[in-house]
Amino acid sequence: MRIADGLMVVVGIAGLIGVRVVEDRIFYDPFLEYFHEAGTHAVFPDFDWWKLISGCFFRFGLNLLFSLVIVFFLFKRKDWTVQAAVLICMVFAITFPLYLYCISTKFEVGYLISFYLRRFVIQPLVVLLIIPMFYYRKQLQKS
């Protein structure tokens, strides 16, 4: 890996960290505080559906962008970067409606399932699975 590629990977990682650091200031997420207080008699918050949905899409877009920067500069393969984008979007397309359903039922389906669905919606967890998968694929292609 060239130094410039390594720097771009670091930029991607810094971007993901930055999204997490400023989450409470740039994203509308009334459930951020709810999940921090859960277990201590947290009250289900009032919220605006459209602001919540648009905030989740905005955050997803930023996480997707930074994740794809990491994947591209680690492997230097456009086709793998496209595959990563498709996989990440598929997971979001599955988990986001489920998370919205959990919200609509005020987490009656269970606190933990709602908590972990929210994690998949707002955090770039899928990239942590894609990178080892692509690395293994790269090793298989070498042999």
N, C-alpha and C. Protein backbone atom coordinates (compact mmCIF):
# COMPACT_ATOMS: atom_id res chain seq x y z
N MET A 1 0.85 -1.18 0.00
CA MET A 1 0.00 0.00 0.00
C MET A 1 0.89 1.23 0.00
N ARG A 2 0.56 2.16 -0.87
CA ARG A 2 1.31 3.41 -0.93
C ARG A 2 0.93 4.29 0.26
N ILE A 3 1.79 5.25 0.54
CA ILE A 3 1.55 6.16 1.67
C ILE A 3 0.27 6.96 1.45
N ALA A 4 0.05 7.41 0.20
CA ALA A 4 -1.17 8.19 -0.09
C ALA A 4 -2.42 7.35 0.17
N ASP A 5 -2.37 6.06 -0.19
CA ASP A 5 -3.51 5.18 0.06
C ASP A 5 -3.74 5.03 1.56
N GLY A 6 -2.66 4.84 2.30
CA GLY A 6 -2.77 4.71 3.75
C GLY A 6 -3.35 5.96 4.38
N LEU A 7 -2.94 7.12 3.86
CA LEU A 7 -3.50 8.37 4.39
C LEU A 7 -4.99 8.48 4.11
N MET A 8 -5.41 8.02 2.95
CA MET A 8 -6.84 8.06 2.63
C MET A 8 -7.63 7.10 3.52
N VAL A 9 -7.05 5.95 3.86
CA VAL A 9 -7.70 5.03 4.80
C VAL A 9 -7.84 5.72 6.15
N VAL A 10 -6.79 6.41 6.57
CA VAL A 10 -6.84 7.14 7.84
C VAL A 10 -7.91 8.24 7.78
N VAL A 11 -8.02 8.92 6.64
CA VAL A 11 -9.05 9.95 6.48
C VAL A 11 -10.44 9.32 6.61
N GLY A 12 -10.64 8.15 5.99
CA GLY A 12 -11.92 7.46 6.10
C GLY A 12 -12.24 7.07 7.54
N ILE A 13 -11.26 6.55 8.23
CA ILE A 13 -11.45 6.17 9.64
C ILE A 13 -11.73 7.41 10.49
N ALA A 14 -10.96 8.48 10.24
CA ALA A 14 -11.19 9.73 10.97
C ALA A 14 -12.58 10.29 10.69
N GLY A 15 -13.05 10.13 9.46
CA GLY A 15 -14.40 10.58 9.12
C GLY A 15 -15.46 9.81 9.90
N LEU A 16 -15.30 8.49 9.98
CA LEU A 16 -16.25 7.68 10.75
C LEU A 16 -16.22 8.06 12.23
N ILE A 17 -15.02 8.28 12.75
CA ILE A 17 -14.90 8.70 14.15
C ILE A 17 -15.53 10.07 14.34
N GLY A 18 -15.30 10.96 13.37
CA GLY A 18 -15.87 12.30 13.45
C GLY A 18 -17.39 12.30 13.47
N VAL A 19 -17.98 11.44 12.65
CA VAL A 19 -19.44 11.31 12.64
C VAL A 19 -19.93 10.91 14.02
N ARG A 20 -19.23 9.99 14.63
CA ARG A 20 -19.62 9.53 15.97
C ARG A 20 -19.44 10.62 17.03
N VAL A 21 -18.34 11.36 16.93
CA VAL A 21 -18.03 12.39 17.92
C VAL A 21 -19.06 13.52 17.91
N VAL A 22 -19.52 13.91 16.72
CA VAL A 22 -20.44 15.04 16.62
C VAL A 22 -21.89 14.63 16.46
N GLU A 23 -22.19 13.36 16.71
CA GLU A 23 -23.54 12.85 16.48
C GLU A 23 -24.62 13.64 17.21
N ASP A 24 -24.35 14.05 18.41
CA ASP A 24 -25.38 14.75 19.19
C ASP A 24 -25.58 16.19 18.73
N ARG A 25 -24.66 16.71 17.91
CA ARG A 25 -24.79 18.10 17.45
C ARG A 25 -25.31 18.22 16.03
N ILE A 26 -25.06 17.23 15.17
CA ILE A 26 -25.46 17.41 13.77
C ILE A 26 -26.60 16.50 13.32
N PHE A 27 -26.96 15.51 14.13
CA PHE A 27 -28.04 14.61 13.74
C PHE A 27 -29.21 14.74 14.71
N TYR A 28 -30.38 14.67 14.16
CA TYR A 28 -31.58 14.65 15.00
C TYR A 28 -31.80 13.21 15.44
N ASP A 29 -31.59 12.95 16.71
CA ASP A 29 -31.75 11.60 17.23
C ASP A 29 -32.25 11.67 18.66
N PRO A 30 -33.57 11.73 18.84
CA PRO A 30 -34.12 11.81 20.19
C PRO A 30 -33.90 10.53 20.99
N PHE A 31 -33.49 9.45 20.32
CA PHE A 31 -33.29 8.18 21.02
C PHE A 31 -31.87 8.03 21.54
N LEU A 32 -31.01 8.95 21.19
CA LEU A 32 -29.63 8.92 21.71
C LEU A 32 -29.66 8.98 23.24
N GLU A 33 -30.38 9.95 23.74
CA GLU A 33 -30.49 10.10 25.20
C GLU A 33 -31.31 8.96 25.81
N TYR A 34 -32.34 8.55 25.12
CA TYR A 34 -33.19 7.46 25.61
C TYR A 34 -32.37 6.20 25.87
N PHE A 35 -31.52 5.81 24.92
CA PHE A 35 -30.75 4.59 25.10
C PHE A 35 -29.62 4.76 26.12
N HIS A 36 -29.15 6.00 26.31
CA HIS A 36 -28.16 6.24 27.36
C HIS A 36 -28.80 6.11 28.74
N GLU A 37 -30.08 6.47 28.84
CA GLU A 37 -30.77 6.44 30.13
C GLU A 37 -31.56 5.16 30.35
N ALA A 38 -31.67 4.32 29.33
CA ALA A 38 -32.50 3.11 29.45
C ALA A 38 -32.03 2.29 30.64
N GLY A 39 -32.97 1.74 31.32
CA GLY A 39 -32.67 1.00 32.53
C GLY A 39 -32.79 1.86 33.76
N THR A 40 -32.81 3.18 33.55
CA THR A 40 -32.98 4.12 34.66
C THR A 40 -34.31 4.85 34.50
N HIS A 41 -35.32 4.11 34.07
CA HIS A 41 -36.67 4.65 33.91
C HIS A 41 -36.73 5.73 32.83
N ALA A 42 -36.10 5.48 31.72
CA ALA A 42 -36.13 6.43 30.60
C ALA A 42 -37.55 6.52 30.05
N VAL A 43 -37.93 7.71 29.68
CA VAL A 43 -39.25 7.96 29.13
C VAL A 43 -39.12 8.00 27.60
N PHE A 44 -40.03 7.28 26.93
CA PHE A 44 -40.03 7.28 25.47
C PHE A 44 -40.22 8.71 24.98
N PRO A 45 -39.29 9.23 24.16
CA PRO A 45 -39.35 10.64 23.79
C PRO A 45 -40.37 10.95 22.70
N ASP A 46 -40.84 12.19 22.71
CA ASP A 46 -41.61 12.70 21.59
C ASP A 46 -40.62 13.00 20.48
N PHE A 47 -41.03 12.82 19.23
CA PHE A 47 -40.10 13.05 18.13
C PHE A 47 -40.85 13.36 16.86
N ASP A 48 -40.13 13.88 15.90
CA ASP A 48 -40.65 14.20 14.57
C ASP A 48 -40.19 13.10 13.62
N TRP A 49 -41.14 12.34 13.06
CA TRP A 49 -40.80 11.22 12.19
C TRP A 49 -39.91 11.64 11.03
N TRP A 50 -40.27 12.73 10.34
CA TRP A 50 -39.54 13.12 9.14
C TRP A 50 -38.13 13.57 9.48
N LYS A 51 -37.96 14.28 10.58
CA LYS A 51 -36.62 14.68 11.00
C LYS A 51 -35.79 13.46 11.38
N LEU A 52 -36.42 12.50 12.03
CA LEU A 52 -35.73 11.28 12.43
C LEU A 52 -35.28 10.49 11.19
N ILE A 53 -36.19 10.30 10.24
CA ILE A 53 -35.87 9.54 9.04
C ILE A 53 -34.81 10.25 8.21
N SER A 54 -34.96 11.55 8.01
CA SER A 54 -33.96 12.27 7.21
C SER A 54 -32.61 12.30 7.93
N GLY A 55 -32.61 12.42 9.24
CA GLY A 55 -31.36 12.38 10.00
C GLY A 55 -30.66 11.04 9.87
N CYS A 56 -31.43 9.96 9.90
CA CYS A 56 -30.85 8.62 9.73
C CYS A 56 -30.26 8.45 8.34
N PHE A 57 -30.97 8.95 7.32
CA PHE A 57 -30.44 8.86 5.95
C PHE A 57 -29.18 9.70 5.78
N PHE A 58 -29.16 10.87 6.38
CA PHE A 58 -27.98 11.72 6.30
C PHE A 58 -26.78 11.04 6.96
N ARG A 59 -27.01 10.50 8.14
CA ARG A 59 -25.93 9.80 8.85
C ARG A 59 -25.48 8.57 8.07
N PHE A 60 -26.44 7.81 7.53
CA PHE A 60 -26.10 6.65 6.71
C PHE A 60 -25.25 7.06 5.52
N GLY A 61 -25.62 8.16 4.87
CA GLY A 61 -24.85 8.63 3.72
C GLY A 61 -23.42 8.97 4.08
N LEU A 62 -23.22 9.65 5.19
CA LEU A 62 -21.86 9.98 5.63
C LEU A 62 -21.07 8.71 5.96
N ASN A 63 -21.69 7.81 6.72
CA ASN A 63 -21.02 6.56 7.06
C ASN A 63 -20.69 5.75 5.82
N LEU A 64 -21.60 5.72 4.86
CA LEU A 64 -21.36 5.00 3.61
C LEU A 64 -20.18 5.60 2.86
N LEU A 65 -20.16 6.90 2.74
CA LEU A 65 -19.07 7.58 2.04
C LEU A 65 -17.71 7.24 2.66
N PHE A 66 -17.59 7.41 3.96
CA PHE A 66 -16.32 7.14 4.62
C PHE A 66 -15.95 5.66 4.58
N SER A 67 -16.94 4.79 4.68
CA SER A 67 -16.68 3.35 4.60
C SER A 67 -16.16 2.97 3.22
N LEU A 68 -16.73 3.57 2.19
CA LEU A 68 -16.30 3.25 0.83
C LEU A 68 -14.90 3.81 0.54
N VAL A 69 -14.57 4.94 1.14
CA VAL A 69 -13.20 5.46 1.02
C VAL A 69 -12.22 4.44 1.60
N ILE A 70 -12.55 3.91 2.75
CA ILE A 70 -11.68 2.92 3.40
C ILE A 70 -11.54 1.69 2.51
N VAL A 71 -12.64 1.15 2.05
CA VAL A 71 -12.61 -0.07 1.23
C VAL A 71 -11.83 0.16 -0.06
N PHE A 72 -12.10 1.27 -0.72
CA PHE A 72 -11.42 1.51 -1.99
C PHE A 72 -9.91 1.62 -1.80
N PHE A 73 -9.49 2.40 -0.83
CA PHE A 73 -8.06 2.62 -0.68
C PHE A 73 -7.33 1.46 -0.01
N LEU A 74 -8.04 0.57 0.64
CA LEU A 74 -7.42 -0.65 1.14
C LEU A 74 -7.17 -1.66 0.02
N PHE A 75 -8.13 -1.78 -0.89
CA PHE A 75 -8.07 -2.85 -1.88
C PHE A 75 -7.86 -2.36 -3.31
N LYS A 76 -8.08 -1.07 -3.57
CA LYS A 76 -7.87 -0.48 -4.90
C LYS A 76 -8.64 -1.23 -5.99
N ARG A 77 -9.86 -1.63 -5.67
CA ARG A 77 -10.70 -2.33 -6.63
C ARG A 77 -12.06 -1.64 -6.66
N LYS A 78 -12.40 -1.05 -7.80
CA LYS A 78 -13.70 -0.38 -7.93
C LYS A 78 -14.84 -1.37 -7.81
N ASP A 79 -14.67 -2.57 -8.39
CA ASP A 79 -15.75 -3.55 -8.32
C ASP A 79 -16.02 -3.99 -6.89
N TRP A 80 -14.98 -4.12 -6.09
CA TRP A 80 -15.18 -4.47 -4.68
C TRP A 80 -15.81 -3.32 -3.91
N THR A 81 -15.46 -2.11 -4.28
CA THR A 81 -16.05 -0.94 -3.63
C THR A 81 -17.55 -0.88 -3.93
N VAL A 82 -17.92 -1.17 -5.17
CA VAL A 82 -19.34 -1.21 -5.54
C VAL A 82 -20.04 -2.33 -4.77
N GLN A 83 -19.40 -3.49 -4.66
CA GLN A 83 -19.99 -4.60 -3.90
C GLN A 83 -20.17 -4.21 -2.43
N ALA A 84 -19.19 -3.52 -1.88
CA ALA A 84 -19.30 -3.05 -0.49
C ALA A 84 -20.49 -2.10 -0.35
N ALA A 85 -20.64 -1.20 -1.31
CA ALA A 85 -21.76 -0.25 -1.27
C ALA A 85 -23.10 -1.00 -1.32
N VAL A 86 -23.19 -1.99 -2.18
CA VAL A 86 -24.43 -2.77 -2.30
C VAL A 86 -24.71 -3.51 -0.99
N LEU A 87 -23.70 -4.14 -0.42
CA LEU A 87 -23.90 -4.88 0.84
C LEU A 87 -24.33 -3.95 1.97
N ILE A 88 -23.66 -2.82 2.07
CA ILE A 88 -24.00 -1.87 3.13
C ILE A 88 -25.43 -1.35 2.95
N CYS A 89 -25.79 -1.03 1.71
CA CYS A 89 -27.16 -0.55 1.43
C CYS A 89 -28.20 -1.63 1.69
N MET A 90 -27.86 -2.89 1.38
CA MET A 90 -28.80 -3.99 1.64
C MET A 90 -29.06 -4.13 3.14
N VAL A 91 -28.01 -4.08 3.94
CA VAL A 91 -28.19 -4.20 5.39
C VAL A 91 -29.03 -3.03 5.91
N PHE A 92 -28.76 -1.83 5.41
CA PHE A 92 -29.55 -0.67 5.82
C PHE A 92 -31.01 -0.83 5.40
N ALA A 93 -31.22 -1.32 4.17
CA ALA A 93 -32.59 -1.50 3.66
C ALA A 93 -33.37 -2.53 4.47
N ILE A 94 -32.68 -3.45 5.10
CA ILE A 94 -33.34 -4.45 5.94
C ILE A 94 -33.55 -3.92 7.36
N THR A 95 -32.50 -3.33 7.94
CA THR A 95 -32.56 -2.94 9.34
C THR A 95 -33.35 -1.65 9.59
N PHE A 96 -33.30 -0.71 8.66
CA PHE A 96 -33.96 0.57 8.90
C PHE A 96 -35.47 0.45 9.05
N PRO A 97 -36.17 -0.25 8.14
CA PRO A 97 -37.62 -0.41 8.35
C PRO A 97 -37.94 -1.17 9.64
N LEU A 98 -37.12 -2.14 9.99
CA LEU A 98 -37.34 -2.86 11.25
C LEU A 98 -37.17 -1.94 12.45
N TYR A 99 -36.16 -1.07 12.38
CA TYR A 99 -35.94 -0.10 13.45
C TYR A 99 -37.12 0.87 13.55
N LEU A 100 -37.61 1.33 12.40
CA LEU A 100 -38.78 2.22 12.42
C LEU A 100 -40.01 1.52 12.99
N TYR A 101 -40.16 0.23 12.70
CA TYR A 101 -41.26 -0.53 13.28
C TYR A 101 -41.11 -0.59 14.81
N CYS A 102 -39.90 -0.84 15.26
CA CYS A 102 -39.65 -0.88 16.71
C CYS A 102 -40.03 0.45 17.35
N ILE A 103 -39.68 1.54 16.70
CA ILE A 103 -40.03 2.86 17.22
C ILE A 103 -41.55 3.03 17.25
N SER A 104 -42.21 2.61 16.16
CA SER A 104 -43.67 2.80 16.09
C SER A 104 -44.40 2.02 17.17
N THR A 105 -43.80 0.95 17.67
CA THR A 105 -44.41 0.17 18.75
C THR A 105 -43.83 0.53 20.11
N LYS A 106 -43.07 1.62 20.14
CA LYS A 106 -42.42 2.09 21.38
C LYS A 106 -41.56 0.99 22.00
N PHE A 107 -40.85 0.29 21.15
CA PHE A 107 -39.90 -0.76 21.52
C PHE A 107 -40.56 -1.91 22.27
N GLU A 108 -41.83 -2.17 21.97
CA GLU A 108 -42.53 -3.29 22.60
C GLU A 108 -41.95 -4.64 22.18
N VAL A 109 -41.27 -4.67 21.02
CA VAL A 109 -40.66 -5.92 20.57
C VAL A 109 -39.45 -6.29 21.42
N GLY A 110 -38.99 -5.36 22.21
CA GLY A 110 -37.88 -5.62 23.11
C GLY A 110 -36.83 -4.53 23.03
N TYR A 111 -36.32 -4.19 24.16
CA TYR A 111 -35.31 -3.13 24.24
C TYR A 111 -34.04 -3.52 23.50
N LEU A 112 -33.54 -4.73 23.74
CA LEU A 112 -32.25 -5.12 23.15
C LEU A 112 -32.31 -5.23 21.64
N ILE A 113 -33.35 -5.82 21.10
CA ILE A 113 -33.44 -5.92 19.63
C ILE A 113 -33.52 -4.53 19.02
N SER A 114 -34.25 -3.65 19.65
CA SER A 114 -34.35 -2.27 19.16
C SER A 114 -33.00 -1.57 19.25
N PHE A 115 -32.31 -1.78 20.35
CA PHE A 115 -31.00 -1.17 20.54
C PHE A 115 -30.02 -1.64 19.46
N TYR A 116 -29.99 -2.93 19.18
CA TYR A 116 -29.03 -3.44 18.20
C TYR A 116 -29.43 -3.12 16.77
N LEU A 117 -30.73 -3.08 16.48
CA LEU A 117 -31.15 -2.62 15.16
C LEU A 117 -30.72 -1.18 14.94
N ARG A 118 -30.88 -0.37 15.97
CA ARG A 118 -30.44 1.02 15.88
C ARG A 118 -28.95 1.10 15.62
N ARG A 119 -28.18 0.23 16.24
CA ARG A 119 -26.73 0.19 16.00
C ARG A 119 -26.41 -0.04 14.53
N PHE A 120 -27.11 -1.00 13.92
CA PHE A 120 -26.86 -1.29 12.50
C PHE A 120 -27.31 -0.13 11.61
N VAL A 121 -28.30 0.63 12.06
CA VAL A 121 -28.77 1.76 11.27
C VAL A 121 -27.80 2.94 11.36
N ILE A 122 -27.32 3.26 12.56
CA ILE A 122 -26.54 4.49 12.73
C ILE A 122 -25.03 4.29 12.77
N GLN A 123 -24.57 3.07 12.93
CA GLN A 123 -23.13 2.83 13.00
C GLN A 123 -22.67 2.06 11.76
N PRO A 124 -21.43 2.25 11.34
CA PRO A 124 -20.92 1.54 10.15
C PRO A 124 -20.38 0.15 10.50
N LEU A 125 -21.21 -0.67 11.12
CA LEU A 125 -20.77 -1.99 11.56
C LEU A 125 -20.47 -2.93 10.41
N VAL A 126 -21.18 -2.78 9.30
CA VAL A 126 -21.04 -3.71 8.19
C VAL A 126 -19.63 -3.63 7.59
N VAL A 127 -19.04 -2.45 7.62
CA VAL A 127 -17.68 -2.33 7.06
C VAL A 127 -16.69 -3.17 7.87
N LEU A 128 -16.98 -3.38 9.14
CA LEU A 128 -16.11 -4.23 9.97
C LEU A 128 -16.19 -5.70 9.54
N LEU A 129 -17.24 -6.07 8.86
CA LEU A 129 -17.37 -7.42 8.31
C LEU A 129 -16.83 -7.50 6.88
N ILE A 130 -17.01 -6.44 6.14
CA ILE A 130 -16.59 -6.43 4.74
C ILE A 130 -15.07 -6.45 4.60
N ILE A 131 -14.38 -5.69 5.40
CA ILE A 131 -12.92 -5.61 5.27
C ILE A 131 -12.26 -6.97 5.45
N PRO A 132 -12.54 -7.73 6.51
CA PRO A 132 -11.93 -9.06 6.62
C PRO A 132 -12.36 -10.00 5.49
N MET A 133 -13.62 -9.87 5.05
CA MET A 133 -14.11 -10.71 3.96
C MET A 133 -13.33 -10.43 2.68
N PHE A 134 -13.11 -9.17 2.36
CA PHE A 134 -12.37 -8.82 1.16
C PHE A 134 -10.89 -9.16 1.30
N TYR A 135 -10.35 -9.01 2.49
CA TYR A 135 -8.95 -9.39 2.71
C TYR A 135 -8.77 -10.89 2.46
N TYR A 136 -9.68 -11.70 2.97
CA TYR A 136 -9.64 -13.14 2.76
C TYR A 136 -9.77 -13.45 1.27
N ARG A 137 -10.65 -12.78 0.60
CA ARG A 137 -10.84 -12.96 -0.83
C ARG A 137 -9.55 -12.63 -1.59
N LYS A 138 -8.90 -11.56 -1.18
CA LYS A 138 -7.63 -11.16 -1.80
C LYS A 138 -6.56 -12.24 -1.60
N GLN A 139 -6.52 -12.81 -0.39
CA GLN A 139 -5.55 -13.87 -0.10
C GLN A 139 -5.83 -15.12 -0.94
N LEU A 140 -7.11 -15.44 -1.13
CA LEU A 140 -7.47 -16.58 -1.97
C LEU A 140 -7.05 -16.38 -3.42
N GLN A 141 -7.16 -15.17 -3.89
CA GLN A 141 -6.80 -14.86 -5.27
C GLN A 141 -5.29 -14.92 -5.49
N LYS A 142 -4.53 -14.66 -4.44
CA LYS A 142 -3.06 -14.74 -4.55
C LYS A 142 -2.61 -16.19 -4.72
N SER A 143 -3.32 -17.11 -4.08
CA SER A 143 -2.87 -18.52 -4.13
C SER A 143 -3.50 -19.33 -5.21
